[in-house]
Amino acid sequence: MFVETFYDERHVVPASSPERAIPYPELVGEELNVWQRYLPATTELGKVPFWLYNTPQVVIEQLEKAQRQHLFDRIEIWSRSGDPMVVGVMSGQPLRYFSIARWGDAKLTLEQVKKRLRVESWISSLIPVAMMLVSLLVVTLALI
């Protein structure tokens, strides 16, 4: 099983910055949009048991670390079958999202995820056309 954690102790924020240091990479722009589309099911941590996602111990440790540090207003699990991701969420305008950990069936790069989304979109656009062709074929065969 693939497991990736994103905690980075070396994260540095200038001393003059009023923001607290967040040792996780922020999801923004296209990257945020792609992950939200690829992992459409969102569950707030605590509203579903860990075992439901077959959560590896190293991910549980990362979740506990993030919770102890009180960095986020909530933690969510974004998922699709076999490929969950834990995301820290900070309230505000706009909401801010941070990658905590990801695990699942395969290590996918952002480019591979974008390609999968394009293929899924293409296939889903073909389904209505295929259904119309099958219906036309059934009607034609019924008339013969």
N, C-alpha and C. Protein backbone atom coordinates (compact mmCIF):
# COMPACT_ATOMS: atom_id res chain seq x y z
N MET A 1 0.84 -1.18 0.00
CA MET A 1 0.00 0.00 0.00
C MET A 1 0.89 1.24 0.00
N PHE A 2 0.55 2.18 -0.83
CA PHE A 2 1.27 3.45 -0.93
C PHE A 2 0.87 4.37 0.23
N VAL A 3 1.86 4.98 0.89
CA VAL A 3 1.61 5.95 1.96
C VAL A 3 2.54 7.12 1.75
N GLU A 4 1.99 8.32 1.81
CA GLU A 4 2.79 9.54 1.68
C GLU A 4 2.34 10.52 2.76
N THR A 5 3.31 11.02 3.53
CA THR A 5 3.00 12.05 4.53
C THR A 5 3.69 13.33 4.11
N PHE A 6 3.13 14.46 4.50
CA PHE A 6 3.62 15.74 4.01
C PHE A 6 4.21 16.64 5.10
N TYR A 7 4.31 16.16 6.33
CA TYR A 7 4.85 16.96 7.42
C TYR A 7 6.28 17.36 7.12
N ASP A 8 6.61 18.65 7.29
CA ASP A 8 7.96 19.15 7.03
C ASP A 8 8.37 20.05 8.18
N GLU A 9 9.24 19.54 9.06
CA GLU A 9 9.70 20.31 10.22
C GLU A 9 10.50 21.54 9.83
N ARG A 10 11.01 21.56 8.63
CA ARG A 10 11.87 22.67 8.20
C ARG A 10 11.07 23.88 7.72
N HIS A 11 9.75 23.78 7.75
CA HIS A 11 8.92 24.89 7.29
C HIS A 11 9.25 26.15 8.09
N VAL A 12 9.57 27.21 7.38
CA VAL A 12 9.98 28.44 8.06
C VAL A 12 9.07 29.59 7.64
N VAL A 13 8.64 30.38 8.61
CA VAL A 13 7.88 31.60 8.36
C VAL A 13 8.71 32.74 8.92
N PRO A 14 8.87 33.84 8.18
CA PRO A 14 9.66 34.96 8.71
C PRO A 14 9.18 35.39 10.10
N ALA A 15 10.13 35.78 10.96
CA ALA A 15 9.81 36.15 12.35
C ALA A 15 8.81 37.30 12.42
N SER A 16 8.80 38.15 11.41
CA SER A 16 7.90 39.29 11.42
C SER A 16 6.48 38.93 10.95
N SER A 17 6.31 37.72 10.47
CA SER A 17 5.01 37.31 9.96
C SER A 17 4.05 37.02 11.11
N PRO A 18 2.79 37.52 11.02
CA PRO A 18 1.81 37.23 12.06
C PRO A 18 1.24 35.82 11.94
N GLU A 19 1.49 35.15 10.81
CA GLU A 19 0.95 33.81 10.62
C GLU A 19 1.76 32.78 11.38
N ARG A 20 1.05 31.79 11.90
CA ARG A 20 1.76 30.69 12.55
C ARG A 20 2.33 29.76 11.47
N ALA A 21 3.40 29.09 11.81
CA ALA A 21 4.04 28.17 10.87
C ALA A 21 3.18 26.92 10.72
N ILE A 22 2.87 26.57 9.50
CA ILE A 22 2.12 25.36 9.20
C ILE A 22 3.09 24.41 8.49
N PRO A 23 3.44 23.30 9.13
CA PRO A 23 4.46 22.41 8.54
C PRO A 23 3.91 21.44 7.49
N TYR A 24 2.87 21.84 6.80
CA TYR A 24 2.28 21.04 5.74
C TYR A 24 2.12 21.92 4.51
N PRO A 25 2.24 21.34 3.31
CA PRO A 25 2.09 22.16 2.10
C PRO A 25 0.63 22.56 1.88
N GLU A 26 0.45 23.80 1.46
CA GLU A 26 -0.90 24.29 1.20
C GLU A 26 -1.33 23.88 -0.20
N LEU A 27 -2.58 23.46 -0.30
CA LEU A 27 -3.18 23.13 -1.58
C LEU A 27 -3.83 24.40 -2.12
N VAL A 28 -3.40 24.86 -3.28
CA VAL A 28 -3.94 26.08 -3.86
C VAL A 28 -4.11 25.90 -5.37
N GLY A 29 -4.92 26.77 -5.96
CA GLY A 29 -5.06 26.83 -7.40
C GLY A 29 -5.46 25.53 -8.06
N GLU A 30 -4.76 25.23 -9.14
CA GLU A 30 -5.08 24.04 -9.93
C GLU A 30 -4.92 22.76 -9.11
N GLU A 31 -3.89 22.69 -8.28
CA GLU A 31 -3.67 21.50 -7.46
C GLU A 31 -4.87 21.24 -6.54
N LEU A 32 -5.37 22.28 -5.88
CA LEU A 32 -6.54 22.15 -5.01
C LEU A 32 -7.75 21.69 -5.82
N ASN A 33 -7.97 22.33 -6.96
CA ASN A 33 -9.12 21.98 -7.81
C ASN A 33 -9.07 20.53 -8.28
N VAL A 34 -7.89 20.08 -8.71
CA VAL A 34 -7.75 18.71 -9.20
C VAL A 34 -8.02 17.69 -8.09
N TRP A 35 -7.42 17.90 -6.92
CA TRP A 35 -7.62 16.95 -5.81
C TRP A 35 -9.08 16.94 -5.35
N GLN A 36 -9.73 18.10 -5.32
CA GLN A 36 -11.14 18.13 -4.91
C GLN A 36 -12.02 17.38 -5.91
N ARG A 37 -11.70 17.47 -7.19
CA ARG A 37 -12.48 16.74 -8.20
C ARG A 37 -12.18 15.25 -8.17
N TYR A 38 -10.91 14.90 -7.96
CA TYR A 38 -10.52 13.49 -7.97
C TYR A 38 -10.97 12.76 -6.70
N LEU A 39 -11.00 13.47 -5.58
CA LEU A 39 -11.40 12.88 -4.29
C LEU A 39 -12.68 13.58 -3.82
N PRO A 40 -13.82 13.25 -4.44
CA PRO A 40 -15.05 14.02 -4.20
C PRO A 40 -15.75 13.78 -2.87
N ALA A 41 -15.52 12.63 -2.25
CA ALA A 41 -16.21 12.33 -0.98
C ALA A 41 -15.43 12.97 0.17
N THR A 42 -16.07 13.86 0.91
CA THR A 42 -15.43 14.56 2.01
C THR A 42 -16.11 14.19 3.32
N THR A 43 -15.29 13.76 4.29
CA THR A 43 -15.80 13.41 5.61
C THR A 43 -14.95 14.10 6.66
N GLU A 44 -15.59 14.80 7.58
CA GLU A 44 -14.84 15.45 8.65
C GLU A 44 -14.31 14.39 9.61
N LEU A 45 -13.06 14.54 10.01
CA LEU A 45 -12.44 13.59 10.92
C LEU A 45 -13.24 13.52 12.21
N GLY A 46 -13.47 12.33 12.70
CA GLY A 46 -14.26 12.14 13.90
C GLY A 46 -15.68 11.71 13.60
N LYS A 47 -16.13 11.93 12.38
CA LYS A 47 -17.49 11.54 12.01
C LYS A 47 -17.53 10.16 11.37
N VAL A 48 -16.36 9.57 11.20
CA VAL A 48 -16.26 8.21 10.66
C VAL A 48 -15.04 7.55 11.30
N PRO A 49 -15.13 6.27 11.62
CA PRO A 49 -13.98 5.60 12.26
C PRO A 49 -12.79 5.44 11.31
N PHE A 50 -11.57 5.48 11.87
CA PHE A 50 -10.35 5.33 11.09
C PHE A 50 -10.35 4.04 10.26
N TRP A 51 -10.83 2.95 10.85
CA TRP A 51 -10.74 1.65 10.18
C TRP A 51 -11.52 1.61 8.88
N LEU A 52 -12.49 2.49 8.72
CA LEU A 52 -13.28 2.50 7.50
C LEU A 52 -12.39 2.74 6.28
N TYR A 53 -11.34 3.51 6.45
CA TYR A 53 -10.44 3.83 5.35
C TYR A 53 -9.17 2.97 5.37
N ASN A 54 -9.13 1.91 6.19
CA ASN A 54 -7.92 1.09 6.32
C ASN A 54 -6.70 1.98 6.53
N THR A 55 -6.80 2.86 7.50
CA THR A 55 -5.78 3.86 7.74
C THR A 55 -4.51 3.24 8.31
N PRO A 56 -3.37 3.42 7.60
CA PRO A 56 -2.10 2.90 8.12
C PRO A 56 -1.68 3.64 9.39
N GLN A 57 -0.91 2.97 10.24
CA GLN A 57 -0.48 3.54 11.51
C GLN A 57 0.27 4.86 11.32
N VAL A 58 1.13 4.96 10.31
CA VAL A 58 1.90 6.19 10.10
C VAL A 58 0.96 7.37 9.80
N VAL A 59 -0.14 7.13 9.13
CA VAL A 59 -1.12 8.20 8.85
C VAL A 59 -1.83 8.58 10.14
N ILE A 60 -2.20 7.60 10.95
CA ILE A 60 -2.84 7.89 12.23
C ILE A 60 -1.91 8.75 13.10
N GLU A 61 -0.61 8.43 13.09
CA GLU A 61 0.35 9.23 13.85
C GLU A 61 0.41 10.67 13.33
N GLN A 62 0.35 10.86 12.01
CA GLN A 62 0.35 12.21 11.44
C GLN A 62 -0.92 12.96 11.82
N LEU A 63 -2.04 12.28 11.83
CA LEU A 63 -3.31 12.90 12.24
C LEU A 63 -3.23 13.35 13.69
N GLU A 64 -2.72 12.47 14.55
CA GLU A 64 -2.60 12.82 15.96
C GLU A 64 -1.65 14.00 16.16
N LYS A 65 -0.55 14.04 15.40
CA LYS A 65 0.40 15.15 15.49
C LYS A 65 -0.28 16.47 15.09
N ALA A 66 -1.02 16.44 13.99
CA ALA A 66 -1.71 17.64 13.52
C ALA A 66 -2.76 18.10 14.54
N GLN A 67 -3.45 17.15 15.16
CA GLN A 67 -4.46 17.51 16.15
C GLN A 67 -3.81 18.09 17.41
N ARG A 68 -2.70 17.52 17.85
CA ARG A 68 -2.00 18.03 19.05
C ARG A 68 -1.52 19.46 18.85
N GLN A 69 -1.11 19.79 17.64
CA GLN A 69 -0.58 21.12 17.36
C GLN A 69 -1.67 22.17 17.16
N HIS A 70 -2.92 21.75 17.08
CA HIS A 70 -4.06 22.67 16.92
C HIS A 70 -3.84 23.65 15.77
N LEU A 71 -3.37 23.13 14.63
CA LEU A 71 -3.09 23.99 13.48
C LEU A 71 -4.32 24.29 12.64
N PHE A 72 -5.29 23.38 12.69
CA PHE A 72 -6.42 23.48 11.77
C PHE A 72 -7.74 23.58 12.52
N ASP A 73 -8.70 24.22 11.87
CA ASP A 73 -10.04 24.32 12.45
C ASP A 73 -10.78 22.98 12.34
N ARG A 74 -10.45 22.24 11.30
CA ARG A 74 -10.98 20.87 11.17
C ARG A 74 -10.06 20.09 10.24
N ILE A 75 -10.19 18.78 10.34
CA ILE A 75 -9.43 17.89 9.47
C ILE A 75 -10.44 17.05 8.71
N GLU A 76 -10.24 16.92 7.40
CA GLU A 76 -11.16 16.17 6.56
C GLU A 76 -10.42 15.03 5.87
N ILE A 77 -11.18 13.99 5.54
CA ILE A 77 -10.67 12.91 4.71
C ILE A 77 -11.38 13.03 3.37
N TRP A 78 -10.58 13.27 2.33
CA TRP A 78 -11.11 13.33 0.97
C TRP A 78 -10.83 11.96 0.38
N SER A 79 -11.82 11.39 -0.32
CA SER A 79 -11.58 10.05 -0.82
C SER A 79 -12.39 9.71 -2.06
N ARG A 80 -11.95 8.64 -2.63
CA ARG A 80 -12.66 7.86 -3.62
C ARG A 80 -12.21 6.44 -3.34
N SER A 81 -12.82 5.49 -3.90
CA SER A 81 -12.53 4.09 -3.57
C SER A 81 -11.03 3.79 -3.60
N GLY A 82 -10.50 3.42 -2.42
CA GLY A 82 -9.11 2.98 -2.33
C GLY A 82 -8.06 4.05 -2.37
N ASP A 83 -8.42 5.33 -2.32
CA ASP A 83 -7.39 6.37 -2.44
C ASP A 83 -7.73 7.59 -1.60
N PRO A 84 -7.65 7.50 -0.26
CA PRO A 84 -7.97 8.65 0.59
C PRO A 84 -6.80 9.61 0.81
N MET A 85 -7.13 10.82 1.22
CA MET A 85 -6.16 11.86 1.53
C MET A 85 -6.68 12.64 2.73
N VAL A 86 -5.80 12.96 3.69
CA VAL A 86 -6.18 13.74 4.86
C VAL A 86 -5.76 15.18 4.61
N VAL A 87 -6.70 16.10 4.85
CA VAL A 87 -6.48 17.51 4.57
C VAL A 87 -6.85 18.34 5.79
N GLY A 88 -5.96 19.24 6.19
CA GLY A 88 -6.25 20.19 7.26
C GLY A 88 -6.92 21.41 6.66
N VAL A 89 -7.95 21.92 7.33
CA VAL A 89 -8.71 23.06 6.82
C VAL A 89 -8.65 24.19 7.83
N MET A 90 -8.30 25.39 7.34
CA MET A 90 -8.30 26.59 8.17
C MET A 90 -9.42 27.50 7.68
N SER A 91 -10.26 27.92 8.62
CA SER A 91 -11.36 28.82 8.28
C SER A 91 -10.82 30.19 7.92
N GLY A 92 -11.63 30.93 7.23
CA GLY A 92 -11.27 32.28 6.83
C GLY A 92 -11.79 32.53 5.43
N GLN A 93 -11.47 33.67 4.92
CA GLN A 93 -11.86 34.01 3.55
C GLN A 93 -10.62 34.18 2.72
N PRO A 94 -10.31 33.27 1.85
CA PRO A 94 -11.00 32.02 1.58
C PRO A 94 -10.54 30.92 2.54
N LEU A 95 -11.22 29.76 2.50
CA LEU A 95 -10.76 28.60 3.26
C LEU A 95 -9.39 28.21 2.74
N ARG A 96 -8.56 27.69 3.64
CA ARG A 96 -7.22 27.23 3.24
C ARG A 96 -7.12 25.74 3.53
N TYR A 97 -6.50 25.01 2.60
CA TYR A 97 -6.38 23.57 2.70
C TYR A 97 -4.91 23.16 2.69
N PHE A 98 -4.56 22.16 3.53
CA PHE A 98 -3.19 21.70 3.65
C PHE A 98 -3.15 20.17 3.59
N SER A 99 -2.24 19.64 2.78
CA SER A 99 -2.05 18.19 2.66
C SER A 99 -1.37 17.66 3.92
N ILE A 100 -1.98 16.68 4.57
CA ILE A 100 -1.38 16.06 5.75
C ILE A 100 -0.81 14.69 5.38
N ALA A 101 -1.61 13.85 4.73
CA ALA A 101 -1.14 12.51 4.33
C ALA A 101 -2.06 11.96 3.25
N ARG A 102 -1.52 11.02 2.51
CA ARG A 102 -2.28 10.34 1.47
C ARG A 102 -1.88 8.87 1.47
N TRP A 103 -2.82 7.99 1.22
CA TRP A 103 -2.50 6.57 1.14
C TRP A 103 -3.51 5.90 0.23
N GLY A 104 -3.17 4.71 -0.20
CA GLY A 104 -4.12 4.00 -1.03
C GLY A 104 -3.49 3.03 -1.98
N ASP A 105 -4.17 2.84 -3.10
CA ASP A 105 -3.78 1.81 -4.05
C ASP A 105 -2.53 2.15 -4.86
N ALA A 106 -2.37 3.39 -5.21
CA ALA A 106 -1.27 3.74 -6.11
C ALA A 106 -0.75 5.14 -5.84
N LYS A 107 0.53 5.33 -6.13
CA LYS A 107 1.11 6.66 -6.03
C LYS A 107 0.83 7.38 -7.34
N LEU A 108 -0.03 8.35 -7.29
CA LEU A 108 -0.39 9.10 -8.48
C LEU A 108 0.15 10.52 -8.39
N THR A 109 0.75 10.97 -9.46
CA THR A 109 1.19 12.36 -9.52
C THR A 109 -0.01 13.23 -9.91
N LEU A 110 0.14 14.52 -9.75
CA LEU A 110 -0.93 15.44 -10.12
C LEU A 110 -1.26 15.30 -11.61
N GLU A 111 -0.24 15.12 -12.45
CA GLU A 111 -0.46 14.95 -13.89
C GLU A 111 -1.25 13.68 -14.19
N GLN A 112 -0.95 12.60 -13.48
CA GLN A 112 -1.69 11.35 -13.68
C GLN A 112 -3.14 11.50 -13.24
N VAL A 113 -3.38 12.22 -12.17
CA VAL A 113 -4.74 12.46 -11.70
C VAL A 113 -5.50 13.28 -12.72
N LYS A 114 -4.87 14.32 -13.27
CA LYS A 114 -5.53 15.14 -14.29
C LYS A 114 -5.88 14.28 -15.52
N LYS A 115 -4.98 13.40 -15.90
CA LYS A 115 -5.25 12.52 -17.04
C LYS A 115 -6.43 11.60 -16.74
N ARG A 116 -6.47 11.01 -15.55
CA ARG A 116 -7.60 10.16 -15.16
C ARG A 116 -8.92 10.93 -15.20
N LEU A 117 -8.90 12.16 -14.71
CA LEU A 117 -10.13 12.97 -14.71
C LEU A 117 -10.58 13.26 -16.14
N ARG A 118 -9.63 13.51 -17.05
CA ARG A 118 -9.99 13.75 -18.46
C ARG A 118 -10.62 12.49 -19.07
N VAL A 119 -10.02 11.32 -18.80
CA VAL A 119 -10.56 10.06 -19.33
C VAL A 119 -11.94 9.80 -18.76
N GLU A 120 -12.12 10.00 -17.45
CA GLU A 120 -13.43 9.80 -16.83
C GLU A 120 -14.48 10.73 -17.44
N SER A 121 -14.09 11.97 -17.69
CA SER A 121 -15.01 12.93 -18.29
C SER A 121 -15.39 12.49 -19.70
N TRP A 122 -14.41 12.05 -20.46
CA TRP A 122 -14.64 11.59 -21.82
C TRP A 122 -15.57 10.39 -21.84
N ILE A 123 -15.31 9.42 -20.95
CA ILE A 123 -16.15 8.22 -20.88
C ILE A 123 -17.57 8.57 -20.46
N SER A 124 -17.72 9.44 -19.47
CA SER A 124 -19.06 9.79 -19.01
C SER A 124 -19.84 10.56 -20.07
N SER A 125 -19.14 11.28 -20.96
CA SER A 125 -19.85 11.97 -22.04
C SER A 125 -20.26 10.99 -23.13
N LEU A 126 -19.60 9.83 -23.22
CA LEU A 126 -19.96 8.84 -24.23
C LEU A 126 -21.14 7.96 -23.79
N ILE A 127 -21.39 7.85 -22.51
CA ILE A 127 -22.45 6.96 -22.01
C ILE A 127 -23.82 7.31 -22.59
N PRO A 128 -24.24 8.57 -22.59
CA PRO A 128 -25.56 8.87 -23.18
C PRO A 128 -25.63 8.53 -24.67
N VAL A 129 -24.54 8.74 -25.39
CA VAL A 129 -24.52 8.42 -26.82
C VAL A 129 -24.65 6.91 -27.00
N ALA A 130 -23.91 6.14 -26.20
CA ALA A 130 -23.99 4.68 -26.29
C ALA A 130 -25.39 4.19 -25.95
N MET A 131 -26.01 4.79 -24.95
CA MET A 131 -27.37 4.37 -24.57
C MET A 131 -28.36 4.67 -25.70
N MET A 132 -28.20 5.80 -26.37
CA MET A 132 -29.09 6.12 -27.50
C MET A 132 -28.88 5.13 -28.64
N LEU A 133 -27.62 4.76 -28.91
CA LEU A 133 -27.36 3.81 -29.98
C LEU A 133 -27.94 2.43 -29.65
N VAL A 134 -27.82 2.00 -28.40
CA VAL A 134 -28.39 0.72 -28.00
C VAL A 134 -29.91 0.77 -28.12
N SER A 135 -30.52 1.88 -27.70
CA SER A 135 -31.97 2.02 -27.81
C SER A 135 -32.41 1.97 -29.27
N LEU A 136 -31.66 2.65 -30.12
CA LEU A 136 -31.96 2.65 -31.55
C LEU A 136 -31.85 1.24 -32.12
N LEU A 137 -30.84 0.51 -31.70
CA LEU A 137 -30.65 -0.87 -32.15
C LEU A 137 -31.79 -1.75 -31.69
N VAL A 138 -32.20 -1.60 -30.42
CA VAL A 138 -33.32 -2.41 -29.90
C VAL A 138 -34.60 -2.11 -30.67
N VAL A 139 -34.87 -0.84 -30.93
CA VAL A 139 -36.07 -0.47 -31.67
C VAL A 139 -36.01 -1.02 -33.08
N THR A 140 -34.85 -0.93 -33.73
CA THR A 140 -34.68 -1.44 -35.09
C THR A 140 -34.91 -2.94 -35.13
N LEU A 141 -34.33 -3.67 -34.17
CA LEU A 141 -34.51 -5.12 -34.12
C LEU A 141 -35.96 -5.48 -33.84
N ALA A 142 -36.65 -4.69 -33.03
CA ALA A 142 -38.05 -4.96 -32.71
C ALA A 142 -38.94 -4.76 -33.95
N LEU A 143 -38.58 -3.82 -34.80
CA LEU A 143 -39.36 -3.55 -36.01
C LEU A 143 -39.12 -4.59 -37.09
N ILE A 144 -38.01 -5.26 -37.03
CA ILE A 144 -37.70 -6.28 -38.04
C ILE A 144 -38.43 -7.51 -37.76
